[in-house]
Amino acid sequence: MIQQRGNMDWMLKELADDVPSIHQIVVLSADGLRIARHGGDPDVADRLAAACAGLQSLAAAVATEIPHSDGQMKLVVIEVTGGFFYLMAAGTGAYLAVLAGETVDAGLVGARMRDMVVRIGAHLTSPPRHGGQAG
């Protein structure tokens, strides 16, 4: 995926263009490194990616408590005053995060994210890093 980062820019832009009120889209590795982004400030994207690593880990821990769950986090949605945050599993070791304003169609953004993951999920992977390097 890191090699295809430039190829993902148009896909992230397409998601933002399809859903009004999206402020930022970030693709991140499971360990919280930003792989790609669209919109917003790069520093915010990096902080968001780092926070998402903890959030996806927490969500997976909660999932193990649900009867008949496989323990895998699929989607986390947080609504706050001013907007929404979405975090979706997007491939092996990769996640798709979206920050959106309060006027966003909450169902539409989730559906478009899922469509994107289905279309390109095989490309949204982040191999484990060894010794600080992408493997």
N, C-alpha and C. Protein backbone atom coordinates (compact mmCIF):
# COMPACT_ATOMS: atom_id res chain seq x y z
N MET A 1 0.82 -1.18 0.00
CA MET A 1 0.00 0.00 0.00
C MET A 1 0.86 1.25 0.00
N ILE A 2 1.93 1.25 0.73
CA ILE A 2 2.76 2.44 0.79
C ILE A 2 3.26 2.79 -0.60
N GLN A 3 3.56 1.79 -1.42
CA GLN A 3 4.00 2.06 -2.78
C GLN A 3 2.86 2.63 -3.63
N GLN A 4 1.62 2.35 -3.31
CA GLN A 4 0.48 2.80 -4.11
C GLN A 4 -0.18 4.04 -3.53
N ARG A 5 0.49 4.72 -2.61
CA ARG A 5 -0.09 5.85 -1.92
C ARG A 5 -0.63 6.91 -2.89
N GLY A 6 0.15 7.28 -3.90
CA GLY A 6 -0.29 8.27 -4.87
C GLY A 6 -1.53 7.84 -5.61
N ASN A 7 -1.67 6.55 -5.85
CA ASN A 7 -2.84 6.03 -6.55
C ASN A 7 -4.10 6.11 -5.70
N MET A 8 -3.96 6.22 -4.40
CA MET A 8 -5.13 6.28 -3.52
C MET A 8 -5.69 7.68 -3.40
N ASP A 9 -4.93 8.69 -3.72
CA ASP A 9 -5.39 10.06 -3.55
C ASP A 9 -6.73 10.31 -4.24
N TRP A 10 -6.88 9.85 -5.46
CA TRP A 10 -8.13 10.09 -6.19
C TRP A 10 -9.29 9.34 -5.55
N MET A 11 -9.04 8.17 -4.95
CA MET A 11 -10.11 7.42 -4.30
C MET A 11 -10.58 8.13 -3.04
N LEU A 12 -9.64 8.67 -2.28
CA LEU A 12 -10.02 9.41 -1.09
C LEU A 12 -10.75 10.69 -1.45
N LYS A 13 -10.30 11.36 -2.51
CA LYS A 13 -10.98 12.56 -2.99
C LYS A 13 -12.40 12.23 -3.45
N GLU A 14 -12.56 11.10 -4.12
CA GLU A 14 -13.89 10.68 -4.59
C GLU A 14 -14.84 10.50 -3.40
N LEU A 15 -14.36 9.90 -2.32
CA LEU A 15 -15.18 9.73 -1.13
C LEU A 15 -15.59 11.10 -0.56
N ALA A 16 -14.64 12.01 -0.47
CA ALA A 16 -14.93 13.35 0.04
C ALA A 16 -15.91 14.08 -0.86
N ASP A 17 -15.75 13.94 -2.18
CA ASP A 17 -16.65 14.61 -3.12
C ASP A 17 -18.06 14.03 -3.09
N ASP A 18 -18.17 12.72 -2.83
CA ASP A 18 -19.48 12.05 -2.81
C ASP A 18 -20.30 12.38 -1.57
N VAL A 19 -19.64 12.76 -0.50
CA VAL A 19 -20.33 12.98 0.77
C VAL A 19 -20.03 14.39 1.28
N PRO A 20 -20.99 15.30 1.14
CA PRO A 20 -20.78 16.66 1.65
C PRO A 20 -20.51 16.64 3.16
N SER A 21 -19.72 17.56 3.63
CA SER A 21 -19.38 17.77 5.04
C SER A 21 -18.25 16.89 5.54
N ILE A 22 -17.60 16.10 4.68
CA ILE A 22 -16.40 15.39 5.12
C ILE A 22 -15.25 16.39 5.17
N HIS A 23 -14.58 16.43 6.31
CA HIS A 23 -13.46 17.35 6.50
C HIS A 23 -12.12 16.70 6.21
N GLN A 24 -11.97 15.44 6.63
CA GLN A 24 -10.67 14.78 6.48
C GLN A 24 -10.86 13.28 6.40
N ILE A 25 -10.03 12.65 5.56
CA ILE A 25 -10.00 11.20 5.43
C ILE A 25 -8.56 10.76 5.64
N VAL A 26 -8.39 9.71 6.45
CA VAL A 26 -7.06 9.20 6.73
C VAL A 26 -7.07 7.68 6.59
N VAL A 27 -6.08 7.15 5.91
CA VAL A 27 -5.83 5.72 5.89
C VAL A 27 -4.62 5.51 6.79
N LEU A 28 -4.74 4.56 7.70
CA LEU A 28 -3.69 4.35 8.68
C LEU A 28 -3.40 2.88 8.89
N SER A 29 -2.21 2.61 9.39
CA SER A 29 -1.84 1.24 9.75
C SER A 29 -2.38 0.94 11.15
N ALA A 30 -2.44 -0.33 11.49
CA ALA A 30 -2.96 -0.74 12.80
C ALA A 30 -2.14 -0.16 13.94
N ASP A 31 -0.88 0.15 13.69
CA ASP A 31 -0.05 0.72 14.75
C ASP A 31 -0.06 2.25 14.75
N GLY A 32 -0.96 2.85 13.99
CA GLY A 32 -1.20 4.28 14.09
C GLY A 32 -0.37 5.18 13.21
N LEU A 33 0.20 4.64 12.14
CA LEU A 33 0.95 5.48 11.21
C LEU A 33 0.07 5.86 10.04
N ARG A 34 0.09 7.14 9.70
CA ARG A 34 -0.69 7.62 8.55
C ARG A 34 -0.06 7.07 7.28
N ILE A 35 -0.91 6.48 6.43
CA ILE A 35 -0.47 5.95 5.14
C ILE A 35 -0.86 6.92 4.02
N ALA A 36 -2.06 7.47 4.13
CA ALA A 36 -2.55 8.42 3.12
C ALA A 36 -3.59 9.31 3.79
N ARG A 37 -3.84 10.45 3.16
CA ARG A 37 -4.86 11.35 3.70
C ARG A 37 -5.43 12.20 2.57
N HIS A 38 -6.61 12.76 2.84
CA HIS A 38 -7.22 13.74 1.94
C HIS A 38 -7.88 14.79 2.82
N GLY A 39 -7.61 16.06 2.51
CA GLY A 39 -8.22 17.16 3.24
C GLY A 39 -7.54 17.37 4.59
N GLY A 40 -7.83 18.51 5.16
CA GLY A 40 -7.33 18.81 6.49
C GLY A 40 -5.83 18.99 6.57
N ASP A 41 -5.38 19.19 7.76
CA ASP A 41 -3.99 19.46 8.07
C ASP A 41 -3.22 18.14 8.25
N PRO A 42 -2.01 18.03 7.69
CA PRO A 42 -1.23 16.79 7.86
C PRO A 42 -0.94 16.46 9.33
N ASP A 43 -0.71 17.48 10.15
CA ASP A 43 -0.45 17.21 11.57
C ASP A 43 -1.68 16.64 12.26
N VAL A 44 -2.85 17.14 11.91
CA VAL A 44 -4.09 16.59 12.46
C VAL A 44 -4.25 15.14 12.00
N ALA A 45 -3.94 14.87 10.75
CA ALA A 45 -4.04 13.50 10.23
C ALA A 45 -3.12 12.56 11.01
N ASP A 46 -1.92 13.01 11.32
CA ASP A 46 -0.99 12.18 12.09
C ASP A 46 -1.50 11.93 13.51
N ARG A 47 -2.03 12.96 14.15
CA ARG A 47 -2.58 12.78 15.50
C ARG A 47 -3.80 11.87 15.46
N LEU A 48 -4.63 12.04 14.46
CA LEU A 48 -5.81 11.19 14.31
C LEU A 48 -5.41 9.73 14.11
N ALA A 49 -4.41 9.49 13.27
CA ALA A 49 -3.94 8.12 13.02
C ALA A 49 -3.43 7.48 14.31
N ALA A 50 -2.67 8.24 15.08
CA ALA A 50 -2.14 7.72 16.34
C ALA A 50 -3.28 7.39 17.31
N ALA A 51 -4.26 8.28 17.42
CA ALA A 51 -5.40 8.03 18.31
C ALA A 51 -6.21 6.83 17.85
N CYS A 52 -6.33 6.64 16.55
CA CYS A 52 -7.10 5.52 16.01
C CYS A 52 -6.51 4.17 16.38
N ALA A 53 -5.19 4.10 16.53
CA ALA A 53 -4.57 2.84 16.91
C ALA A 53 -5.10 2.38 18.27
N GLY A 54 -5.18 3.31 19.21
CA GLY A 54 -5.73 2.97 20.51
C GLY A 54 -7.21 2.66 20.46
N LEU A 55 -7.94 3.42 19.66
CA LEU A 55 -9.37 3.24 19.55
C LEU A 55 -9.73 1.88 18.94
N GLN A 56 -9.01 1.50 17.88
CA GLN A 56 -9.32 0.20 17.26
C GLN A 56 -8.96 -0.94 18.21
N SER A 57 -7.92 -0.78 18.99
CA SER A 57 -7.54 -1.80 19.97
C SER A 57 -8.61 -1.91 21.06
N LEU A 58 -9.09 -0.78 21.54
CA LEU A 58 -10.14 -0.77 22.54
C LEU A 58 -11.43 -1.40 21.98
N ALA A 59 -11.79 -1.04 20.76
CA ALA A 59 -13.00 -1.60 20.14
C ALA A 59 -12.88 -3.12 19.98
N ALA A 60 -11.70 -3.59 19.61
CA ALA A 60 -11.50 -5.04 19.46
C ALA A 60 -11.64 -5.74 20.81
N ALA A 61 -11.14 -5.09 21.88
CA ALA A 61 -11.28 -5.67 23.21
C ALA A 61 -12.75 -5.76 23.62
N VAL A 62 -13.51 -4.74 23.32
CA VAL A 62 -14.94 -4.75 23.62
C VAL A 62 -15.64 -5.83 22.79
N ALA A 63 -15.23 -5.97 21.53
CA ALA A 63 -15.86 -6.96 20.64
C ALA A 63 -15.72 -8.37 21.17
N THR A 64 -14.64 -8.66 21.87
CA THR A 64 -14.46 -10.02 22.40
C THR A 64 -15.49 -10.34 23.48
N GLU A 65 -16.11 -9.32 24.06
CA GLU A 65 -17.12 -9.53 25.09
C GLU A 65 -18.51 -9.77 24.52
N ILE A 66 -18.68 -9.57 23.23
CA ILE A 66 -19.98 -9.77 22.60
C ILE A 66 -20.12 -11.24 22.21
N PRO A 67 -21.18 -11.89 22.69
CA PRO A 67 -21.36 -13.31 22.36
C PRO A 67 -21.36 -13.54 20.84
N HIS A 68 -20.69 -14.57 20.42
CA HIS A 68 -20.61 -14.99 19.01
C HIS A 68 -19.80 -14.03 18.14
N SER A 69 -19.09 -13.09 18.75
CA SER A 69 -18.26 -12.16 17.99
C SER A 69 -16.94 -12.84 17.64
N ASP A 70 -16.38 -12.45 16.51
CA ASP A 70 -15.04 -12.95 16.16
C ASP A 70 -13.96 -12.05 16.75
N GLY A 71 -14.37 -10.99 17.47
CA GLY A 71 -13.42 -10.10 18.12
C GLY A 71 -12.81 -9.06 17.21
N GLN A 72 -13.26 -9.00 15.97
CA GLN A 72 -12.69 -8.06 15.02
C GLN A 72 -13.54 -6.80 14.95
N MET A 73 -12.91 -5.65 15.11
CA MET A 73 -13.59 -4.37 14.99
C MET A 73 -13.88 -4.12 13.51
N LYS A 74 -15.11 -3.76 13.19
CA LYS A 74 -15.48 -3.44 11.82
C LYS A 74 -15.72 -1.95 11.64
N LEU A 75 -16.45 -1.34 12.56
CA LEU A 75 -16.80 0.07 12.43
C LEU A 75 -17.03 0.68 13.81
N VAL A 76 -16.43 1.84 14.02
CA VAL A 76 -16.67 2.64 15.22
C VAL A 76 -17.18 3.99 14.74
N VAL A 77 -18.27 4.45 15.33
CA VAL A 77 -18.80 5.78 15.01
C VAL A 77 -18.91 6.55 16.31
N ILE A 78 -18.38 7.75 16.30
CA ILE A 78 -18.48 8.63 17.47
C ILE A 78 -19.15 9.92 17.01
N GLU A 79 -20.23 10.26 17.71
CA GLU A 79 -20.90 11.53 17.44
C GLU A 79 -20.58 12.48 18.58
N VAL A 80 -20.11 13.66 18.22
CA VAL A 80 -19.80 14.71 19.20
C VAL A 80 -20.49 15.99 18.75
N THR A 81 -20.56 16.95 19.64
CA THR A 81 -21.08 18.25 19.24
C THR A 81 -20.20 18.76 18.11
N GLY A 82 -20.79 19.04 16.99
CA GLY A 82 -20.03 19.56 15.85
C GLY A 82 -19.74 18.56 14.76
N GLY A 83 -19.96 17.27 15.02
CA GLY A 83 -19.69 16.34 13.93
C GLY A 83 -19.58 14.89 14.34
N PHE A 84 -18.99 14.13 13.40
CA PHE A 84 -18.89 12.69 13.53
C PHE A 84 -17.46 12.22 13.23
N PHE A 85 -17.11 11.10 13.82
CA PHE A 85 -15.86 10.41 13.52
C PHE A 85 -16.21 8.97 13.19
N TYR A 86 -15.63 8.46 12.11
CA TYR A 86 -15.83 7.07 11.69
C TYR A 86 -14.47 6.39 11.60
N LEU A 87 -14.39 5.15 12.06
CA LEU A 87 -13.20 4.33 11.90
C LEU A 87 -13.65 2.97 11.44
N MET A 88 -13.15 2.54 10.28
CA MET A 88 -13.57 1.27 9.69
C MET A 88 -12.35 0.42 9.35
N ALA A 89 -12.43 -0.86 9.66
CA ALA A 89 -11.40 -1.80 9.23
C ALA A 89 -11.41 -1.81 7.71
N ALA A 90 -10.22 -1.72 7.12
CA ALA A 90 -10.16 -1.51 5.66
C ALA A 90 -9.23 -2.48 4.95
N GLY A 91 -8.79 -3.49 5.60
CA GLY A 91 -7.85 -4.44 5.00
C GLY A 91 -6.96 -4.97 6.10
N THR A 92 -6.10 -5.87 5.76
CA THR A 92 -5.21 -6.47 6.75
C THR A 92 -4.28 -5.41 7.32
N GLY A 93 -4.50 -5.09 8.58
CA GLY A 93 -3.64 -4.13 9.26
C GLY A 93 -3.83 -2.68 8.84
N ALA A 94 -4.96 -2.36 8.20
CA ALA A 94 -5.20 -0.98 7.76
C ALA A 94 -6.61 -0.56 8.13
N TYR A 95 -6.78 0.75 8.32
CA TYR A 95 -8.05 1.33 8.72
C TYR A 95 -8.31 2.60 7.94
N LEU A 96 -9.59 2.90 7.79
CA LEU A 96 -10.05 4.11 7.12
C LEU A 96 -10.76 4.96 8.15
N ALA A 97 -10.32 6.20 8.32
CA ALA A 97 -10.92 7.12 9.29
C ALA A 97 -11.45 8.35 8.57
N VAL A 98 -12.59 8.84 9.04
CA VAL A 98 -13.23 10.01 8.44
C VAL A 98 -13.70 10.94 9.55
N LEU A 99 -13.37 12.22 9.40
CA LEU A 99 -13.93 13.28 10.24
C LEU A 99 -14.94 14.04 9.40
N ALA A 100 -16.13 14.24 9.94
CA ALA A 100 -17.18 14.92 9.18
C ALA A 100 -17.92 15.90 10.07
N GLY A 101 -18.50 16.91 9.45
CA GLY A 101 -19.27 17.92 10.17
C GLY A 101 -20.63 17.40 10.59
N GLU A 102 -21.29 18.20 11.41
CA GLU A 102 -22.58 17.78 11.98
C GLU A 102 -23.70 17.69 10.95
N THR A 103 -23.53 18.28 9.76
CA THR A 103 -24.58 18.21 8.75
C THR A 103 -24.42 17.00 7.82
N VAL A 104 -23.41 16.17 8.06
CA VAL A 104 -23.19 15.01 7.20
C VAL A 104 -24.35 14.03 7.32
N ASP A 105 -24.65 13.36 6.25
CA ASP A 105 -25.62 12.26 6.27
C ASP A 105 -24.88 11.05 6.84
N ALA A 106 -25.15 10.74 8.11
CA ALA A 106 -24.39 9.71 8.82
C ALA A 106 -24.47 8.35 8.13
N GLY A 107 -25.61 8.01 7.61
CA GLY A 107 -25.74 6.73 6.91
C GLY A 107 -24.98 6.71 5.60
N LEU A 108 -24.99 7.83 4.89
CA LEU A 108 -24.31 7.91 3.60
C LEU A 108 -22.81 7.76 3.76
N VAL A 109 -22.22 8.44 4.75
CA VAL A 109 -20.77 8.34 4.90
C VAL A 109 -20.36 6.91 5.25
N GLY A 110 -21.10 6.25 6.11
CA GLY A 110 -20.80 4.84 6.44
C GLY A 110 -20.92 3.94 5.23
N ALA A 111 -21.98 4.15 4.43
CA ALA A 111 -22.18 3.32 3.24
C ALA A 111 -21.07 3.56 2.20
N ARG A 112 -20.69 4.82 2.00
CA ARG A 112 -19.63 5.12 1.02
C ARG A 112 -18.27 4.58 1.48
N MET A 113 -18.02 4.65 2.78
CA MET A 113 -16.78 4.06 3.30
C MET A 113 -16.77 2.55 3.06
N ARG A 114 -17.90 1.90 3.33
CA ARG A 114 -17.98 0.45 3.12
C ARG A 114 -17.79 0.12 1.64
N ASP A 115 -18.41 0.90 0.76
CA ASP A 115 -18.23 0.68 -0.69
C ASP A 115 -16.76 0.80 -1.07
N MET A 116 -16.10 1.81 -0.53
CA MET A 116 -14.69 2.02 -0.85
C MET A 116 -13.85 0.84 -0.36
N VAL A 117 -14.10 0.38 0.84
CA VAL A 117 -13.34 -0.75 1.39
C VAL A 117 -13.58 -2.00 0.56
N VAL A 118 -14.81 -2.24 0.15
CA VAL A 118 -15.10 -3.42 -0.68
C VAL A 118 -14.37 -3.32 -2.02
N ARG A 119 -14.38 -2.14 -2.62
CA ARG A 119 -13.73 -1.95 -3.93
C ARG A 119 -12.23 -2.09 -3.87
N ILE A 120 -11.63 -1.52 -2.84
CA ILE A 120 -10.16 -1.46 -2.84
C ILE A 120 -9.54 -2.05 -1.58
N GLY A 121 -10.32 -2.80 -0.81
CA GLY A 121 -9.82 -3.34 0.45
C GLY A 121 -8.54 -4.15 0.32
N ALA A 122 -8.38 -4.87 -0.76
CA ALA A 122 -7.17 -5.66 -0.95
C ALA A 122 -5.94 -4.77 -1.06
N HIS A 123 -6.13 -3.54 -1.50
CA HIS A 123 -5.01 -2.59 -1.63
C HIS A 123 -4.79 -1.80 -0.34
N LEU A 124 -5.78 -1.84 0.55
CA LEU A 124 -5.67 -1.13 1.82
C LEU A 124 -5.10 -2.07 2.88
N THR A 125 -3.89 -2.47 2.70
CA THR A 125 -3.23 -3.32 3.67
C THR A 125 -1.92 -2.68 4.08
N SER A 126 -1.54 -2.97 5.27
CA SER A 126 -0.27 -2.47 5.78
C SER A 126 0.48 -3.65 6.36
N PRO A 127 1.53 -4.10 5.67
CA PRO A 127 2.27 -5.24 6.21
C PRO A 127 2.93 -4.87 7.53
N PRO A 128 3.13 -5.87 8.40
CA PRO A 128 3.80 -5.57 9.67
C PRO A 128 5.19 -5.01 9.43
N ARG A 129 5.57 -4.06 10.28
CA ARG A 129 6.90 -3.49 10.15
C ARG A 129 7.85 -4.24 11.07
N HIS A 130 9.06 -4.39 10.62
CA HIS A 130 10.10 -5.05 11.40
C HIS A 130 11.24 -4.08 11.57
N GLY A 131 11.65 -3.85 12.79
CA GLY A 131 12.75 -2.94 13.05
C GLY A 131 12.51 -1.53 12.59
N GLY A 132 11.22 -1.10 12.63
CA GLY A 132 10.89 0.26 12.23
C GLY A 132 10.74 0.45 10.74
N GLN A 133 10.83 -0.59 9.97
CA GLN A 133 10.71 -0.50 8.52
C GLN A 133 9.45 -1.21 8.06
N ALA A 134 8.85 -0.73 6.95
CA ALA A 134 7.72 -1.45 6.36
C ALA A 134 8.26 -2.75 5.83
N GLY A 135 7.51 -3.83 6.08
CA GLY A 135 8.01 -5.15 5.72
C GLY A 135 7.41 -5.63 4.55
